[in-house]
Amino acid sequence: MALDYLAEVSEQLLPEHEPNDRFFRLLLVALDHLRSRGAEGLWAAVTYFSLWAVKLGGWLPDLEACATCGVEMPEGERAWFTRSLPGLVCGKCRPSNAWGLTPESRALAREMLGAPLRRLAPRSWDRRTAADLRQFLTQRLEDHLERKLVTVPLLAEL
């Protein structure tokens, strides 16, 4: 299922017959992690791939400042997001229908943006680990693709 997800996102993001070295290297990193770690590496690979796919697409908003008021959000503070907002918002600007992004997920995103997948700090991964981050990234992808990703609900059932 993880391979189907990688293929679907890649197919939707990459123009046909156009080389993209950075995205190709991202795919290789995710595939290598899945191959070497098996099911144990599934959620780390999917999360890392999703984060970098959004980043390479140019759709990753600032993870540190509120998209509404511009105030820097402290590291230990929960951030909030909805499909209608251009990025993360602080608790003061939070709409009533917002989903939360935990401080741990924000810290993990910062770590993933600064280190290769194989060098991330060891942690126990399961489908709950950074699920809120994957939801945020999926929303960013789907908003820019203007379609729902078919593999996302199937992957969430694992």
N, C-alpha and C. Protein backbone atom coordinates (compact mmCIF):
# COMPACT_ATOMS: atom_id res chain seq x y z
N MET A 1 0.82 -1.19 0.00
CA MET A 1 0.00 0.00 0.00
C MET A 1 0.87 1.27 0.00
N ALA A 2 1.96 1.22 0.74
CA ALA A 2 2.87 2.37 0.77
C ALA A 2 3.45 2.64 -0.62
N LEU A 3 3.77 1.58 -1.34
CA LEU A 3 4.29 1.74 -2.69
C LEU A 3 3.23 2.35 -3.61
N ASP A 4 1.98 1.95 -3.45
CA ASP A 4 0.89 2.53 -4.23
C ASP A 4 0.75 4.02 -3.94
N TYR A 5 0.89 4.39 -2.67
CA TYR A 5 0.82 5.79 -2.28
C TYR A 5 1.96 6.59 -2.94
N LEU A 6 3.18 6.08 -2.85
CA LEU A 6 4.33 6.77 -3.47
C LEU A 6 4.10 6.94 -4.97
N ALA A 7 3.58 5.89 -5.61
CA ALA A 7 3.34 5.95 -7.05
C ALA A 7 2.24 6.96 -7.39
N GLU A 8 1.16 6.96 -6.62
CA GLU A 8 0.06 7.89 -6.91
C GLU A 8 0.50 9.34 -6.75
N VAL A 9 1.17 9.64 -5.67
CA VAL A 9 1.62 11.02 -5.44
C VAL A 9 2.60 11.43 -6.53
N SER A 10 3.53 10.56 -6.85
CA SER A 10 4.52 10.87 -7.89
C SER A 10 3.86 11.11 -9.24
N GLU A 11 2.92 10.25 -9.58
CA GLU A 11 2.23 10.39 -10.87
C GLU A 11 1.46 11.71 -10.94
N GLN A 12 0.87 12.12 -9.83
CA GLN A 12 0.08 13.35 -9.82
C GLN A 12 0.95 14.61 -9.81
N LEU A 13 2.11 14.53 -9.17
CA LEU A 13 2.95 15.72 -9.01
C LEU A 13 3.89 15.97 -10.17
N LEU A 14 4.35 14.91 -10.80
CA LEU A 14 5.38 15.07 -11.82
C LEU A 14 4.79 15.17 -13.22
N PRO A 15 5.17 16.18 -13.97
CA PRO A 15 4.73 16.27 -15.36
C PRO A 15 5.29 15.09 -16.16
N GLU A 16 4.52 14.63 -17.12
CA GLU A 16 4.92 13.50 -17.94
C GLU A 16 6.19 13.80 -18.72
N HIS A 17 7.12 12.88 -18.71
CA HIS A 17 8.38 12.94 -19.46
C HIS A 17 9.28 14.10 -19.04
N GLU A 18 9.08 14.65 -17.87
CA GLU A 18 9.95 15.74 -17.42
C GLU A 18 10.84 15.23 -16.29
N PRO A 19 12.16 15.24 -16.47
CA PRO A 19 13.05 14.77 -15.40
C PRO A 19 13.01 15.71 -14.20
N ASN A 20 13.07 15.11 -13.03
CA ASN A 20 13.10 15.88 -11.80
C ASN A 20 14.04 15.14 -10.84
N ASP A 21 15.30 15.52 -10.84
CA ASP A 21 16.31 14.81 -10.06
C ASP A 21 16.01 14.79 -8.57
N ARG A 22 15.56 15.90 -8.03
CA ARG A 22 15.30 15.97 -6.58
C ARG A 22 14.17 15.03 -6.18
N PHE A 23 13.12 15.00 -6.97
CA PHE A 23 12.00 14.11 -6.65
C PHE A 23 12.41 12.66 -6.85
N PHE A 24 13.20 12.38 -7.87
CA PHE A 24 13.68 11.03 -8.11
C PHE A 24 14.52 10.55 -6.92
N ARG A 25 15.40 11.42 -6.40
CA ARG A 25 16.21 11.05 -5.23
C ARG A 25 15.33 10.83 -4.01
N LEU A 26 14.28 11.62 -3.86
CA LEU A 26 13.33 11.43 -2.76
C LEU A 26 12.68 10.05 -2.86
N LEU A 27 12.25 9.69 -4.04
CA LEU A 27 11.67 8.36 -4.24
C LEU A 27 12.67 7.26 -3.89
N LEU A 28 13.90 7.41 -4.32
CA LEU A 28 14.93 6.40 -4.02
C LEU A 28 15.15 6.26 -2.51
N VAL A 29 15.17 7.38 -1.80
CA VAL A 29 15.36 7.34 -0.34
C VAL A 29 14.19 6.61 0.32
N ALA A 30 12.96 6.95 -0.07
CA ALA A 30 11.79 6.32 0.52
C ALA A 30 11.75 4.82 0.20
N LEU A 31 12.04 4.46 -1.04
CA LEU A 31 12.03 3.05 -1.44
C LEU A 31 13.13 2.27 -0.73
N ASP A 32 14.30 2.86 -0.60
CA ASP A 32 15.40 2.20 0.10
C ASP A 32 15.04 1.96 1.56
N HIS A 33 14.40 2.94 2.19
CA HIS A 33 14.00 2.80 3.59
C HIS A 33 12.95 1.68 3.73
N LEU A 34 12.01 1.64 2.83
CA LEU A 34 10.99 0.58 2.87
C LEU A 34 11.64 -0.80 2.66
N ARG A 35 12.57 -0.88 1.72
CA ARG A 35 13.23 -2.15 1.44
C ARG A 35 14.07 -2.61 2.61
N SER A 36 14.82 -1.71 3.22
CA SER A 36 15.73 -2.10 4.29
C SER A 36 15.03 -2.32 5.63
N ARG A 37 13.94 -1.62 5.87
CA ARG A 37 13.25 -1.72 7.15
C ARG A 37 11.94 -2.51 7.09
N GLY A 38 11.44 -2.75 5.89
CA GLY A 38 10.19 -3.48 5.74
C GLY A 38 9.03 -2.74 6.37
N ALA A 39 8.10 -3.48 6.94
CA ALA A 39 6.89 -2.88 7.53
C ALA A 39 7.25 -1.93 8.67
N GLU A 40 8.36 -2.19 9.34
CA GLU A 40 8.80 -1.34 10.44
C GLU A 40 9.10 0.09 9.97
N GLY A 41 9.53 0.23 8.72
CA GLY A 41 9.90 1.54 8.19
C GLY A 41 8.82 2.23 7.40
N LEU A 42 7.65 1.60 7.30
CA LEU A 42 6.57 2.12 6.46
C LEU A 42 6.18 3.55 6.81
N TRP A 43 5.84 3.81 8.07
CA TRP A 43 5.30 5.12 8.44
C TRP A 43 6.36 6.22 8.38
N ALA A 44 7.59 5.88 8.71
CA ALA A 44 8.67 6.88 8.60
C ALA A 44 8.87 7.25 7.13
N ALA A 45 8.89 6.26 6.25
CA ALA A 45 9.11 6.51 4.82
C ALA A 45 7.96 7.32 4.23
N VAL A 46 6.73 6.97 4.56
CA VAL A 46 5.56 7.67 4.02
C VAL A 46 5.52 9.11 4.52
N THR A 47 5.82 9.32 5.79
CA THR A 47 5.79 10.67 6.36
C THR A 47 6.90 11.53 5.75
N TYR A 48 8.11 10.99 5.67
CA TYR A 48 9.24 11.71 5.09
C TYR A 48 8.96 12.05 3.63
N PHE A 49 8.49 11.07 2.88
CA PHE A 49 8.17 11.28 1.47
C PHE A 49 7.10 12.37 1.31
N SER A 50 6.05 12.31 2.11
CA SER A 50 4.96 13.29 2.02
C SER A 50 5.45 14.70 2.32
N LEU A 51 6.23 14.82 3.39
CA LEU A 51 6.76 16.13 3.77
C LEU A 51 7.61 16.72 2.65
N TRP A 52 8.51 15.93 2.12
CA TRP A 52 9.39 16.44 1.08
C TRP A 52 8.67 16.63 -0.26
N ALA A 53 7.64 15.84 -0.54
CA ALA A 53 6.86 16.05 -1.76
C ALA A 53 6.16 17.41 -1.70
N VAL A 54 5.60 17.74 -0.54
CA VAL A 54 4.95 19.04 -0.36
C VAL A 54 5.99 20.15 -0.44
N LYS A 55 7.13 19.94 0.18
CA LYS A 55 8.21 20.94 0.15
C LYS A 55 8.72 21.17 -1.28
N LEU A 56 9.01 20.09 -2.00
CA LEU A 56 9.50 20.22 -3.37
C LEU A 56 8.46 20.84 -4.30
N GLY A 57 7.18 20.61 -3.98
CA GLY A 57 6.12 21.22 -4.77
C GLY A 57 5.96 22.71 -4.49
N GLY A 58 6.58 23.19 -3.42
CA GLY A 58 6.49 24.61 -3.07
C GLY A 58 5.26 24.95 -2.24
N TRP A 59 4.66 23.95 -1.60
CA TRP A 59 3.41 24.18 -0.87
C TRP A 59 3.54 24.03 0.63
N LEU A 60 4.77 23.89 1.14
CA LEU A 60 4.95 23.74 2.58
C LEU A 60 5.00 25.13 3.21
N PRO A 61 4.02 25.44 4.03
CA PRO A 61 4.02 26.75 4.68
C PRO A 61 5.03 26.77 5.83
N ASP A 62 5.23 27.93 6.37
CA ASP A 62 6.09 28.10 7.54
C ASP A 62 5.48 27.29 8.68
N LEU A 63 6.27 26.44 9.30
CA LEU A 63 5.80 25.61 10.40
C LEU A 63 5.98 26.29 11.75
N GLU A 64 6.60 27.45 11.75
CA GLU A 64 6.94 28.12 13.00
C GLU A 64 6.10 29.36 13.29
N ALA A 65 5.51 29.98 12.25
CA ALA A 65 4.77 31.22 12.45
C ALA A 65 3.31 31.04 12.05
N CYS A 66 2.43 31.73 12.74
CA CYS A 66 1.00 31.69 12.45
C CYS A 66 0.74 32.32 11.08
N ALA A 67 -0.01 31.61 10.25
CA ALA A 67 -0.31 32.10 8.90
C ALA A 67 -1.28 33.28 8.93
N THR A 68 -1.98 33.48 10.03
CA THR A 68 -2.96 34.56 10.13
C THR A 68 -2.35 35.82 10.73
N CYS A 69 -1.77 35.70 11.93
CA CYS A 69 -1.26 36.90 12.62
C CYS A 69 0.25 37.06 12.49
N GLY A 70 0.97 36.03 12.05
CA GLY A 70 2.41 36.12 11.85
C GLY A 70 3.26 35.91 13.09
N VAL A 71 2.62 35.69 14.23
CA VAL A 71 3.35 35.50 15.48
C VAL A 71 4.06 34.15 15.45
N GLU A 72 5.29 34.13 15.93
CA GLU A 72 6.05 32.88 16.03
C GLU A 72 5.42 31.99 17.10
N MET A 73 5.18 30.74 16.75
CA MET A 73 4.58 29.79 17.69
C MET A 73 5.70 29.07 18.44
N PRO A 74 5.66 29.07 19.77
CA PRO A 74 6.69 28.38 20.54
C PRO A 74 6.76 26.89 20.18
N GLU A 75 7.96 26.29 20.33
CA GLU A 75 8.16 24.89 19.97
C GLU A 75 7.20 23.94 20.67
N GLY A 76 6.88 24.17 21.91
CA GLY A 76 6.02 23.26 22.67
C GLY A 76 4.54 23.51 22.50
N GLU A 77 4.16 24.40 21.59
CA GLU A 77 2.76 24.76 21.40
C GLU A 77 2.14 23.99 20.24
N ARG A 78 0.91 23.59 20.43
CA ARG A 78 0.15 22.94 19.36
C ARG A 78 -0.19 23.99 18.29
N ALA A 79 -0.12 23.58 17.04
CA ALA A 79 -0.53 24.44 15.93
C ALA A 79 -1.83 23.87 15.37
N TRP A 80 -2.50 24.66 14.56
CA TRP A 80 -3.83 24.26 14.05
C TRP A 80 -3.87 24.45 12.54
N PHE A 81 -4.72 23.64 11.87
CA PHE A 81 -4.84 23.76 10.42
C PHE A 81 -6.24 23.35 9.97
N THR A 82 -6.64 23.95 8.85
CA THR A 82 -7.87 23.57 8.14
C THR A 82 -7.56 23.67 6.65
N ARG A 83 -8.43 23.11 5.86
CA ARG A 83 -8.26 23.19 4.41
C ARG A 83 -8.36 24.64 3.91
N SER A 84 -9.10 25.47 4.60
CA SER A 84 -9.33 26.83 4.13
C SER A 84 -8.19 27.80 4.47
N LEU A 85 -7.26 27.38 5.31
CA LEU A 85 -6.15 28.27 5.70
C LEU A 85 -4.91 27.97 4.88
N PRO A 86 -4.09 28.98 4.61
CA PRO A 86 -2.88 28.76 3.81
C PRO A 86 -1.74 28.09 4.57
N GLY A 87 -1.88 27.92 5.88
CA GLY A 87 -0.82 27.31 6.68
C GLY A 87 -1.28 27.03 8.08
N LEU A 88 -0.33 26.87 8.98
CA LEU A 88 -0.63 26.61 10.38
C LEU A 88 -0.98 27.91 11.09
N VAL A 89 -1.84 27.81 12.10
CA VAL A 89 -2.21 28.99 12.87
C VAL A 89 -2.04 28.71 14.36
N CYS A 90 -1.91 29.77 15.12
CA CYS A 90 -1.76 29.66 16.57
C CYS A 90 -3.12 29.45 17.23
N GLY A 91 -3.10 29.20 18.53
CA GLY A 91 -4.33 28.97 19.28
C GLY A 91 -5.27 30.16 19.27
N LYS A 92 -4.74 31.38 19.24
CA LYS A 92 -5.59 32.58 19.22
C LYS A 92 -6.33 32.73 17.89
N CYS A 93 -5.73 32.29 16.81
CA CYS A 93 -6.32 32.44 15.47
C CYS A 93 -7.05 31.17 15.03
N ARG A 94 -7.10 30.18 15.87
CA ARG A 94 -7.66 28.87 15.55
C ARG A 94 -9.15 28.96 15.24
N PRO A 95 -9.57 28.49 14.06
CA PRO A 95 -11.00 28.38 13.77
C PRO A 95 -11.59 27.20 14.55
N SER A 96 -12.88 27.21 14.73
CA SER A 96 -13.53 26.17 15.52
C SER A 96 -13.44 24.78 14.88
N ASN A 97 -13.29 24.72 13.57
CA ASN A 97 -13.24 23.43 12.88
C ASN A 97 -11.83 22.95 12.58
N ALA A 98 -10.84 23.49 13.28
CA ALA A 98 -9.44 23.19 12.98
C ALA A 98 -9.00 21.86 13.60
N TRP A 99 -8.05 21.22 12.92
CA TRP A 99 -7.38 20.03 13.45
C TRP A 99 -6.08 20.48 14.10
N GLY A 100 -5.63 19.73 15.09
CA GLY A 100 -4.40 20.08 15.78
C GLY A 100 -3.19 19.36 15.23
N LEU A 101 -2.06 20.04 15.30
CA LEU A 101 -0.77 19.47 14.96
C LEU A 101 0.08 19.55 16.22
N THR A 102 0.43 18.40 16.78
CA THR A 102 1.12 18.36 18.06
C THR A 102 2.53 18.96 17.97
N PRO A 103 3.03 19.43 19.10
CA PRO A 103 4.42 19.92 19.12
C PRO A 103 5.40 18.84 18.68
N GLU A 104 5.12 17.58 19.00
CA GLU A 104 6.00 16.47 18.61
C GLU A 104 6.04 16.32 17.09
N SER A 105 4.90 16.46 16.45
CA SER A 105 4.86 16.36 14.99
C SER A 105 5.56 17.53 14.32
N ARG A 106 5.41 18.72 14.89
CA ARG A 106 6.13 19.88 14.34
C ARG A 106 7.63 19.69 14.49
N ALA A 107 8.07 19.15 15.64
CA ALA A 107 9.49 18.90 15.86
C ALA A 107 10.00 17.82 14.90
N LEU A 108 9.20 16.81 14.66
CA LEU A 108 9.58 15.76 13.72
C LEU A 108 9.72 16.32 12.30
N ALA A 109 8.81 17.19 11.91
CA ALA A 109 8.89 17.82 10.58
C ALA A 109 10.18 18.63 10.46
N ARG A 110 10.52 19.38 11.49
CA ARG A 110 11.77 20.15 11.48
C ARG A 110 12.97 19.21 11.34
N GLU A 111 12.93 18.11 12.09
CA GLU A 111 14.03 17.14 12.01
C GLU A 111 14.13 16.54 10.61
N MET A 112 13.00 16.18 10.02
CA MET A 112 12.99 15.57 8.69
C MET A 112 13.47 16.55 7.62
N LEU A 113 13.20 17.81 7.80
CA LEU A 113 13.66 18.81 6.83
C LEU A 113 15.16 19.07 6.95
N GLY A 114 15.75 18.67 8.08
CA GLY A 114 17.16 18.95 8.30
C GLY A 114 18.09 17.75 8.26
N ALA A 115 17.51 16.55 8.10
CA ALA A 115 18.35 15.35 8.13
C ALA A 115 17.81 14.31 7.15
N PRO A 116 18.71 13.50 6.59
CA PRO A 116 18.26 12.41 5.73
C PRO A 116 17.44 11.39 6.53
N LEU A 117 16.59 10.67 5.86
CA LEU A 117 15.71 9.70 6.51
C LEU A 117 16.49 8.69 7.34
N ARG A 118 17.60 8.21 6.85
CA ARG A 118 18.38 7.19 7.57
C ARG A 118 19.04 7.75 8.83
N ARG A 119 19.12 9.07 8.97
CA ARG A 119 19.78 9.67 10.13
C ARG A 119 18.81 10.26 11.14
N LEU A 120 17.52 10.01 10.98
CA LEU A 120 16.56 10.50 11.96
C LEU A 120 16.78 9.81 13.30
N ALA A 121 16.46 10.52 14.36
CA ALA A 121 16.59 9.93 15.69
C ALA A 121 15.72 8.67 15.77
N PRO A 122 16.23 7.63 16.39
CA PRO A 122 15.44 6.39 16.51
C PRO A 122 14.17 6.65 17.32
N ARG A 123 13.10 6.11 16.85
CA ARG A 123 11.81 6.21 17.56
C ARG A 123 10.95 5.05 17.13
N SER A 124 9.97 4.77 17.93
CA SER A 124 9.02 3.71 17.60
C SER A 124 7.96 4.30 16.67
N TRP A 125 7.79 3.68 15.51
CA TRP A 125 6.82 4.17 14.53
C TRP A 125 5.65 3.20 14.42
N ASP A 126 4.45 3.74 14.45
CA ASP A 126 3.25 3.01 14.06
C ASP A 126 2.34 4.01 13.36
N ARG A 127 1.15 3.59 12.98
CA ARG A 127 0.31 4.49 12.19
C ARG A 127 -0.14 5.74 12.95
N ARG A 128 -0.07 5.69 14.27
CA ARG A 128 -0.44 6.87 15.08
C ARG A 128 0.69 7.89 15.14
N THR A 129 1.93 7.45 14.94
CA THR A 129 3.08 8.36 15.00
C THR A 129 2.97 9.37 13.87
N ALA A 130 2.89 10.63 14.23
CA ALA A 130 2.81 11.74 13.27
C ALA A 130 1.61 11.64 12.33
N ALA A 131 0.54 10.99 12.76
CA ALA A 131 -0.67 10.88 11.93
C ALA A 131 -1.23 12.27 11.63
N ASP A 132 -1.15 13.18 12.59
CA ASP A 132 -1.64 14.54 12.36
C ASP A 132 -0.79 15.27 11.32
N LEU A 133 0.50 15.02 11.32
CA LEU A 133 1.38 15.62 10.31
C LEU A 133 1.04 15.08 8.92
N ARG A 134 0.82 13.77 8.81
CA ARG A 134 0.45 13.20 7.52
C ARG A 134 -0.90 13.74 7.05
N GLN A 135 -1.84 13.95 7.97
CA GLN A 135 -3.13 14.53 7.59
C GLN A 135 -2.94 15.94 7.04
N PHE A 136 -2.12 16.74 7.71
CA PHE A 136 -1.83 18.09 7.25
C PHE A 136 -1.19 18.06 5.86
N LEU A 137 -0.21 17.20 5.67
CA LEU A 137 0.49 17.11 4.39
C LEU A 137 -0.43 16.59 3.28
N THR A 138 -1.28 15.64 3.62
CA THR A 138 -2.25 15.12 2.64
C THR A 138 -3.20 16.23 2.20
N GLN A 139 -3.66 17.02 3.14
CA GLN A 139 -4.54 18.15 2.79
C GLN A 139 -3.82 19.12 1.86
N ARG A 140 -2.56 19.40 2.13
CA ARG A 140 -1.80 20.30 1.27
C ARG A 140 -1.70 19.73 -0.15
N LEU A 141 -1.37 18.44 -0.23
CA LEU A 141 -1.26 17.79 -1.54
C LEU A 141 -2.60 17.81 -2.28
N GLU A 142 -3.65 17.39 -1.61
CA GLU A 142 -4.96 17.31 -2.26
C GLU A 142 -5.47 18.68 -2.68
N ASP A 143 -5.22 19.70 -1.88
CA ASP A 143 -5.64 21.05 -2.25
C ASP A 143 -4.96 21.51 -3.53
N HIS A 144 -3.69 21.22 -3.67
CA HIS A 144 -2.95 21.66 -4.85
C HIS A 144 -3.18 20.77 -6.06
N LEU A 145 -3.48 19.50 -5.80
CA LEU A 145 -3.80 18.60 -6.91
C LEU A 145 -5.25 18.75 -7.36
N GLU A 146 -6.06 19.35 -6.49
CA GLU A 146 -7.48 19.53 -6.71
C GLU A 146 -8.20 18.20 -6.92
N ARG A 147 -7.78 17.22 -6.13
CA ARG A 147 -8.43 15.91 -6.14
C ARG A 147 -8.02 15.15 -4.89
N LYS A 148 -8.84 14.21 -4.50
CA LYS A 148 -8.53 13.34 -3.37
C LYS A 148 -7.57 12.25 -3.84
N LEU A 149 -6.64 11.90 -2.98
CA LEU A 149 -5.73 10.79 -3.26
C LEU A 149 -6.42 9.50 -2.88
N VAL A 150 -6.50 8.58 -3.80
CA VAL A 150 -7.22 7.32 -3.61
C VAL A 150 -6.56 6.44 -2.55
N THR A 151 -5.24 6.46 -2.50
CA THR A 151 -4.52 5.55 -1.60
C THR A 151 -4.49 5.99 -0.14
N VAL A 152 -4.81 7.24 0.15
CA VAL A 152 -4.71 7.75 1.52
C VAL A 152 -5.64 7.01 2.48
N PRO A 153 -6.94 6.86 2.18
CA PRO A 153 -7.78 6.13 3.15
C PRO A 153 -7.39 4.66 3.27
N LEU A 154 -6.89 4.07 2.21
CA LEU A 154 -6.47 2.67 2.25
C LEU A 154 -5.22 2.52 3.11
N LEU A 155 -4.32 3.46 3.00
CA LEU A 155 -3.10 3.44 3.79
C LEU A 155 -3.43 3.65 5.27
N ALA A 156 -4.40 4.49 5.56
CA ALA A 156 -4.80 4.78 6.94
C ALA A 156 -5.40 3.56 7.63
N GLU A 157 -5.91 2.62 6.86
CA GLU A 157 -6.52 1.41 7.43
C GLU A 157 -5.49 0.38 7.88
N LEU A 158 -4.25 0.55 7.47
CA LEU A 158 -3.22 -0.44 7.84
C LEU A 158 -2.98 -0.48 9.33
